Amino acid sequence: MCVMAGIDFMTIAAWLGHKDGGILVGKVYGHLIDEHRQKMAAKLTIGLASVRDAPPLEVVLNSSGT
């Protein structure tokens, strides 16, 4: 529930008493974020085109890693 609400892994891990900075939470529950975002995006429509018909977004990091 926390992951799907958008709470970051580090915060969830701290609440659970984990000392790994969210790595375990991310490995176990990370797939939920993509699935949830895809389901929510499928509900959106912009103008006459559905977001469902749009190509997937890609995140590109610059050379500094941000």
PDB file of N, CA and C in Angstrom:
ATOM      1  N   MET A   1       0.824  -1.183   0.000  1.00  0.00           N
ATOM      2  CA  MET A   1       0.000   0.000   0.000  1.00  0.00           C
ATOM      3  C   MET A   1       0.877   1.261   0.000  1.00  0.00           C
ATOM      4  N   CYS A   2       1.934   1.260   0.788  1.00  0.00           N
ATOM      5  CA  CYS A   2       2.812   2.435   0.852  1.00  0.00           C
ATOM      6  C   CYS A   2       3.488   2.688  -0.486  1.00  0.00           C
ATOM      7  N   VAL A   3       3.986   1.622  -1.108  1.00  0.00           N
ATOM      8  CA  VAL A   3       4.665   1.763  -2.395  1.00  0.00           C
ATOM      9  C   VAL A   3       3.705   2.340  -3.423  1.00  0.00           C
ATOM     10  N   MET A   4       2.501   1.823  -3.474  1.00  0.00           N
ATOM     11  CA  MET A   4       1.527   2.274  -4.462  1.00  0.00           C
ATOM     12  C   MET A   4       1.032   3.686  -4.151  1.00  0.00           C
ATOM     13  N   ALA A   5       1.202   4.136  -2.917  1.00  0.00           N
ATOM     14  CA  ALA A   5       0.845   5.508  -2.553  1.00  0.00           C
ATOM     15  C   ALA A   5       1.956   6.487  -2.914  1.00  0.00           C
ATOM     16  N   GLY A   6       3.102   5.956  -3.376  1.00  0.00           N
ATOM     17  CA  GLY A   6       4.190   6.826  -3.804  1.00  0.00           C
ATOM     18  C   GLY A   6       5.215   7.137  -2.733  1.00  0.00           C
ATOM     19  N   ILE A   7       5.155   6.439  -1.608  1.00  0.00           N
ATOM     20  CA  ILE A   7       6.133   6.665  -0.543  1.00  0.00           C
ATOM     21  C   ILE A   7       7.443   5.995  -0.955  1.00  0.00           C
ATOM     22  N   ASP A   8       8.537   6.726  -0.826  1.00  0.00           N
ATOM     23  CA  ASP A   8       9.821   6.216  -1.301  1.00  0.00           C
ATOM     24  C   ASP A   8      10.308   5.035  -0.455  1.00  0.00           C
ATOM     25  N   PHE A   9      11.134   4.213  -1.095  1.00  0.00           N
ATOM     26  CA  PHE A   9      11.620   2.985  -0.458  1.00  0.00           C
ATOM     27  C   PHE A   9      12.415   3.263   0.809  1.00  0.00           C
ATOM     28  N   MET A  10      13.201   4.332   0.816  1.00  0.00           N
ATOM     29  CA  MET A  10      14.017   4.639   1.994  1.00  0.00           C
ATOM     30  C   MET A  10      13.141   4.916   3.210  1.00  0.00           C
ATOM     31  N   THR A  11      12.050   5.642   3.010  1.00  0.00           N
ATOM     32  CA  THR A  11      11.143   5.949   4.114  1.00  0.00           C
ATOM     33  C   THR A  11      10.463   4.683   4.619  1.00  0.00           C
ATOM     34  N   ILE A  12       9.971   3.863   3.703  1.00  0.00           N
ATOM     35  CA  ILE A  12       9.321   2.614   4.095  1.00  0.00           C
ATOM     36  C   ILE A  12      10.303   1.735   4.870  1.00  0.00           C
ATOM     37  N   ALA A  13      11.529   1.632   4.362  1.00  0.00           N
ATOM     38  CA  ALA A  13      12.548   0.817   5.031  1.00  0.00           C
ATOM     39  C   ALA A  13      12.810   1.323   6.448  1.00  0.00           C
ATOM     40  N   ALA A  14      12.882   2.633   6.618  1.00  0.00           N
ATOM     41  CA  ALA A  14      13.107   3.197   7.950  1.00  0.00           C
ATOM     42  C   ALA A  14      11.951   2.851   8.889  1.00  0.00           C
ATOM     43  N   TRP A  15      10.735   2.945   8.382  1.00  0.00           N
ATOM     44  CA  TRP A  15       9.563   2.578   9.192  1.00  0.00           C
ATOM     45  C   TRP A  15       9.609   1.119   9.616  1.00  0.00           C
ATOM     46  N   LEU A  16      10.149   0.255   8.746  1.00  0.00           N
ATOM     47  CA  LEU A  16      10.224  -1.176   9.030  1.00  0.00           C
ATOM     48  C   LEU A  16      11.445  -1.556   9.858  1.00  0.00           C
ATOM     49  N   GLY A  17      12.319  -0.591  10.087  1.00  0.00           N
ATOM     50  CA  GLY A  17      13.523  -0.846  10.865  1.00  0.00           C
ATOM     51  C   GLY A  17      14.664  -1.434  10.059  1.00  0.00           C
ATOM     52  N   HIS A  18      14.570  -1.364   8.738  1.00  0.00           N
ATOM     53  CA  HIS A  18      15.636  -1.875   7.879  1.00  0.00           C
ATOM     54  C   HIS A  18      16.784  -0.873   7.836  1.00  0.00           C
ATOM     55  N   LYS A  19      17.976  -1.373   7.730  1.00  0.00           N
ATOM     56  CA  LYS A  19      19.171  -0.518   7.707  1.00  0.00           C
ATOM     57  C   LYS A  19      19.803  -0.448   6.327  1.00  0.00           C
ATOM     58  N   ASP A  20      19.134  -0.989   5.302  1.00  0.00           N
ATOM     59  CA  ASP A  20      19.733  -1.079   3.971  1.00  0.00           C
ATOM     60  C   ASP A  20      19.368   0.081   3.047  1.00  0.00           C
ATOM     61  N   GLY A  21      18.688   1.088   3.558  1.00  0.00           N
ATOM     62  CA  GLY A  21      18.339   2.247   2.746  1.00  0.00           C
ATOM     63  C   GLY A  21      17.240   1.996   1.723  1.00  0.00           C
ATOM     64  N   GLY A  22      16.488   0.923   1.882  1.00  0.00           N
ATOM     65  CA  GLY A  22      15.370   0.657   0.989  1.00  0.00           C
ATOM     66  C   GLY A  22      15.652  -0.372  -0.090  1.00  0.00           C
ATOM     67  N   ILE A  23      16.835  -0.963  -0.071  1.00  0.00           N
ATOM     68  CA  ILE A  23      17.194  -1.924  -1.122  1.00  0.00           C
ATOM     69  C   ILE A  23      16.266  -3.141  -1.102  1.00  0.00           C
ATOM     70  N   LEU A  24      16.056  -3.724   0.064  1.00  0.00           N
ATOM     71  CA  LEU A  24      15.192  -4.900   0.159  1.00  0.00           C
ATOM     72  C   LEU A  24      13.760  -4.561  -0.234  1.00  0.00           C
ATOM     73  N   VAL A  25      13.252  -3.452   0.251  1.00  0.00           N
ATOM     74  CA  VAL A  25      11.890  -3.030  -0.102  1.00  0.00           C
ATOM     75  C   VAL A  25      11.779  -2.858  -1.615  1.00  0.00           C
ATOM     76  N   GLY A  26      12.767  -2.236  -2.218  1.00  0.00           N
ATOM     77  CA  GLY A  26      12.757  -2.039  -3.667  1.00  0.00           C
ATOM     78  C   GLY A  26      12.786  -3.345  -4.440  1.00  0.00           C
ATOM     79  N   LYS A  27      13.592  -4.294  -3.967  1.00  0.00           N
ATOM     80  CA  LYS A  27      13.669  -5.591  -4.656  1.00  0.00           C
ATOM     81  C   LYS A  27      12.367  -6.372  -4.546  1.00  0.00           C
ATOM     82  N   VAL A  28      11.731  -6.295  -3.377  1.00  0.00           N
ATOM     83  CA  VAL A  28      10.517  -7.078  -3.147  1.00  0.00           C
ATOM     84  C   VAL A  28       9.284  -6.418  -3.761  1.00  0.00           C
ATOM     85  N   TYR A  29       9.182  -5.096  -3.618  1.00  0.00           N
ATOM     86  CA  TYR A  29       7.957  -4.409  -4.005  1.00  0.00           C
ATOM     87  C   TYR A  29       8.107  -3.436  -5.167  1.00  0.00           C
ATOM     88  N   GLY A  30       9.300  -3.299  -5.710  1.00  0.00           N
ATOM     89  CA  GLY A  30       9.553  -2.325  -6.771  1.00  0.00           C
ATOM     90  C   GLY A  30       8.684  -2.509  -7.999  1.00  0.00           C
ATOM     91  N   HIS A  31       8.345  -3.749  -8.324  1.00  0.00           N
ATOM     92  CA  HIS A  31       7.513  -4.006  -9.504  1.00  0.00           C
ATOM     93  C   HIS A  31       6.125  -3.385  -9.379  1.00  0.00           C
ATOM     94  N   LEU A  32       5.669  -3.153  -8.161  1.00  0.00           N
ATOM     95  CA  LEU A  32       4.327  -2.589  -7.962  1.00  0.00           C
ATOM     96  C   LEU A  32       4.215  -1.172  -8.508  1.00  0.00           C
ATOM     97  N   ILE A  33       5.313  -0.414  -8.447  1.00  0.00           N
ATOM     98  CA  ILE A  33       5.277   0.968  -8.912  1.00  0.00           C
ATOM     99  C   ILE A  33       4.952   1.020 -10.405  1.00  0.00           C
ATOM    100  N   ASP A  34       5.674   0.242 -11.198  1.00  0.00           N
ATOM    101  CA  ASP A  34       5.441   0.250 -12.640  1.00  0.00           C
ATOM    102  C   ASP A  34       4.034  -0.215 -12.977  1.00  0.00           C
ATOM    103  N   GLU A  35       3.591  -1.307 -12.344  1.00  0.00           N
ATOM    104  CA  GLU A  35       2.250  -1.823 -12.610  1.00  0.00           C
ATOM    105  C   GLU A  35       1.187  -0.790 -12.239  1.00  0.00           C
ATOM    106  N   HIS A  36       1.355  -0.158 -11.083  1.00  0.00           N
ATOM    107  CA  HIS A  36       0.390   0.833 -10.621  1.00  0.00           C
ATOM    108  C   HIS A  36       0.367   2.044 -11.554  1.00  0.00           C
ATOM    109  N   ARG A  37       1.532   2.527 -11.937  1.00  0.00           N
ATOM    110  CA  ARG A  37       1.596   3.689 -12.833  1.00  0.00           C
ATOM    111  C   ARG A  37       0.966   3.377 -14.183  1.00  0.00           C
ATOM    112  N   GLN A  38       1.203   2.181 -14.702  1.00  0.00           N
ATOM    113  CA  GLN A  38       0.608   1.806 -15.981  1.00  0.00           C
ATOM    114  C   GLN A  38      -0.915   1.745 -15.881  1.00  0.00           C
ATOM    115  N   LYS A  39      -1.424   1.198 -14.793  1.00  0.00           N
ATOM    116  CA  LYS A  39      -2.879   1.124 -14.608  1.00  0.00           C
ATOM    117  C   LYS A  39      -3.482   2.519 -14.486  1.00  0.00           C
ATOM    118  N   MET A  40      -2.814   3.401 -13.758  1.00  0.00           N
ATOM    119  CA  MET A  40      -3.332   4.756 -13.591  1.00  0.00           C
ATOM    120  C   MET A  40      -3.251   5.537 -14.899  1.00  0.00           C
ATOM    121  N   ALA A  41      -2.170   5.362 -15.658  1.00  0.00           N
ATOM    122  CA  ALA A  41      -2.023   6.051 -16.932  1.00  0.00           C
ATOM    123  C   ALA A  41      -3.080   5.586 -17.925  1.00  0.00           C
ATOM    124  N   ALA A  42      -3.455   4.319 -17.849  1.00  0.00           N
ATOM    125  CA  ALA A  42      -4.467   3.787 -18.762  1.00  0.00           C
ATOM    126  C   ALA A  42      -5.829   4.441 -18.534  1.00  0.00           C
ATOM    127  N   LYS A  43      -6.029   4.997 -17.348  1.00  0.00           N
ATOM    128  CA  LYS A  43      -7.302   5.654 -17.043  1.00  0.00           C
ATOM    129  C   LYS A  43      -7.367   7.083 -17.574  1.00  0.00           C
ATOM    130  N   LEU A  44      -6.213   7.656 -17.903  1.00  0.00           N
ATOM    131  CA  LEU A  44      -6.159   9.045 -18.356  1.00  0.00           C
ATOM    132  C   LEU A  44      -6.502   9.172 -19.833  1.00  0.00           C
ATOM    133  N   THR A  45      -7.134  10.270 -20.151  1.00  0.00           N
ATOM    134  CA  THR A  45      -7.288  10.651 -21.552  1.00  0.00           C
ATOM    135  C   THR A  45      -6.905  12.116 -21.663  1.00  0.00           C
ATOM    136  N   ILE A  46      -6.192  12.436 -22.732  1.00  0.00           N
ATOM    137  CA  ILE A  46      -5.769  13.810 -22.977  1.00  0.00           C
ATOM    138  C   ILE A  46      -6.310  14.180 -24.343  1.00  0.00           C
ATOM    139  N   GLY A  47      -7.204  15.150 -24.369  1.00  0.00           N
ATOM    140  CA  GLY A  47      -7.849  15.492 -25.625  1.00  0.00           C
ATOM    141  C   GLY A  47      -8.623  14.289 -26.119  1.00  0.00           C
ATOM    142  N   LEU A  48      -8.426  13.905 -27.361  1.00  0.00           N
ATOM    143  CA  LEU A  48      -9.125  12.764 -27.922  1.00  0.00           C
ATOM    144  C   LEU A  48      -8.304  11.481 -27.844  1.00  0.00           C
ATOM    145  N   ALA A  49      -7.005  11.613 -27.536  1.00  0.00           N
ATOM    146  CA  ALA A  49      -6.132  10.443 -27.512  1.00  0.00           C
ATOM    147  C   ALA A  49      -6.006   9.916 -26.088  1.00  0.00           C
ATOM    148  N   SER A  50      -6.042   8.644 -25.951  1.00  0.00           N
ATOM    149  CA  SER A  50      -5.842   8.005 -24.660  1.00  0.00           C
ATOM    150  C   SER A  50      -4.357   7.868 -24.397  1.00  0.00           C
ATOM    151  N   VAL A  51      -3.959   8.044 -23.165  1.00  0.00           N
ATOM    152  CA  VAL A  51      -2.563   7.857 -22.786  1.00  0.00           C
ATOM    153  C   VAL A  51      -2.167   6.409 -23.051  1.00  0.00           C
ATOM    154  N   ARG A  52      -3.107   5.513 -22.985  1.00  0.00           N
ATOM    155  CA  ARG A  52      -2.857   4.096 -23.229  1.00  0.00           C
ATOM    156  C   ARG A  52      -2.256   3.877 -24.619  1.00  0.00           C
ATOM    157  N   ASP A  53      -2.608   4.743 -25.580  1.00  0.00           N
ATOM    158  CA  ASP A  53      -2.126   4.610 -26.948  1.00  0.00           C
ATOM    159  C   ASP A  53      -0.765   5.269 -27.170  1.00  0.00           C
ATOM    160  N   ALA A  54      -0.295   6.011 -26.189  1.00  0.00           N
ATOM    161  CA  ALA A  54       0.969   6.727 -26.325  1.00  0.00           C
ATOM    162  C   ALA A  54       2.134   5.766 -26.077  1.00  0.00           C
ATOM    163  N   PRO A  55       3.285   6.039 -26.677  1.00  0.00           N
ATOM    164  CA  PRO A  55       4.455   5.189 -26.418  1.00  0.00           C
ATOM    165  C   PRO A  55       4.909   5.356 -24.971  1.00  0.00           C
ATOM    166  N   PRO A  56       5.566   4.357 -24.395  1.00  0.00           N
ATOM    167  CA  PRO A  56       6.038   4.466 -23.011  1.00  0.00           C
ATOM    168  C   PRO A  56       7.085   5.561 -22.879  1.00  0.00           C
ATOM    169  N   LEU A  57       7.113   6.191 -21.714  1.00  0.00           N
ATOM    170  CA  LEU A  57       8.094   7.225 -21.431  1.00  0.00           C
ATOM    171  C   LEU A  57       9.415   6.587 -21.044  1.00  0.00           C
ATOM    172  N   GLU A  58      10.503   7.225 -21.404  1.00  0.00           N
ATOM    173  CA  GLU A  58      11.824   6.762 -21.031  1.00  0.00           C
ATOM    174  C   GLU A  58      12.510   7.839 -20.207  1.00  0.00           C
ATOM    175  N   VAL A  59      13.216   7.423 -19.179  1.00  0.00           N
ATOM    176  CA  VAL A  59      13.996   8.346 -18.365  1.00  0.00           C
ATOM    177  C   VAL A  59      15.437   8.255 -18.842  1.00  0.00           C
ATOM    178  N   VAL A  60      16.020   9.391 -19.182  1.00  0.00           N
ATOM    179  CA  VAL A  60      17.391   9.418 -19.662  1.00  0.00           C
ATOM    180  C   VAL A  60      18.209  10.219 -18.655  1.00  0.00           C
ATOM    181  N   LEU A  61      19.253   9.607 -18.131  1.00  0.00           N
ATOM    182  CA  LEU A  61      20.125  10.276 -17.174  1.00  0.00           C
ATOM    183  C   LEU A  61      21.228  10.997 -17.932  1.00  0.00           C
ATOM    184  N   ASN A  62      21.610  12.175 -17.430  1.00  0.00           N
ATOM    185  CA  ASN A  62      22.726  12.870 -18.057  1.00  0.00           C
ATOM    186  C   ASN A  62      24.031  12.262 -17.544  1.00  0.00           C
ATOM    187  N   SER A  63      25.142  12.755 -18.001  1.00  0.00           N
ATOM    188  CA  SER A  63      26.433  12.160 -17.679  1.00  0.00           C
ATOM    189  C   SER A  63      26.772  12.223 -16.200  1.00  0.00           C
ATOM    190  N   SER A  64      26.128  13.126 -15.458  1.00  0.00           N
ATOM    191  CA  SER A  64      26.401  13.200 -14.016  1.00  0.00           C
ATOM    192  C   SER A  64      25.562  12.218 -13.228  1.00  0.00           C
ATOM    193  N   GLY A  65      24.646  11.474 -13.925  1.00  0.00           N
ATOM    194  CA  GLY A  65      23.848  10.464 -13.251  1.00  0.00           C
ATOM    195  C   GLY A  65      22.559  10.978 -12.659  1.00  0.00           C
ATOM    196  N   THR A  66      22.186  12.224 -13.005  1.00  0.00           N
ATOM    197  CA  THR A  66      20.940  12.775 -12.451  1.00  0.00           C
ATOM    198  C   THR A  66      19.915  12.972 -13.530  1.00  0.00           C
TER     199      THR A  66
END
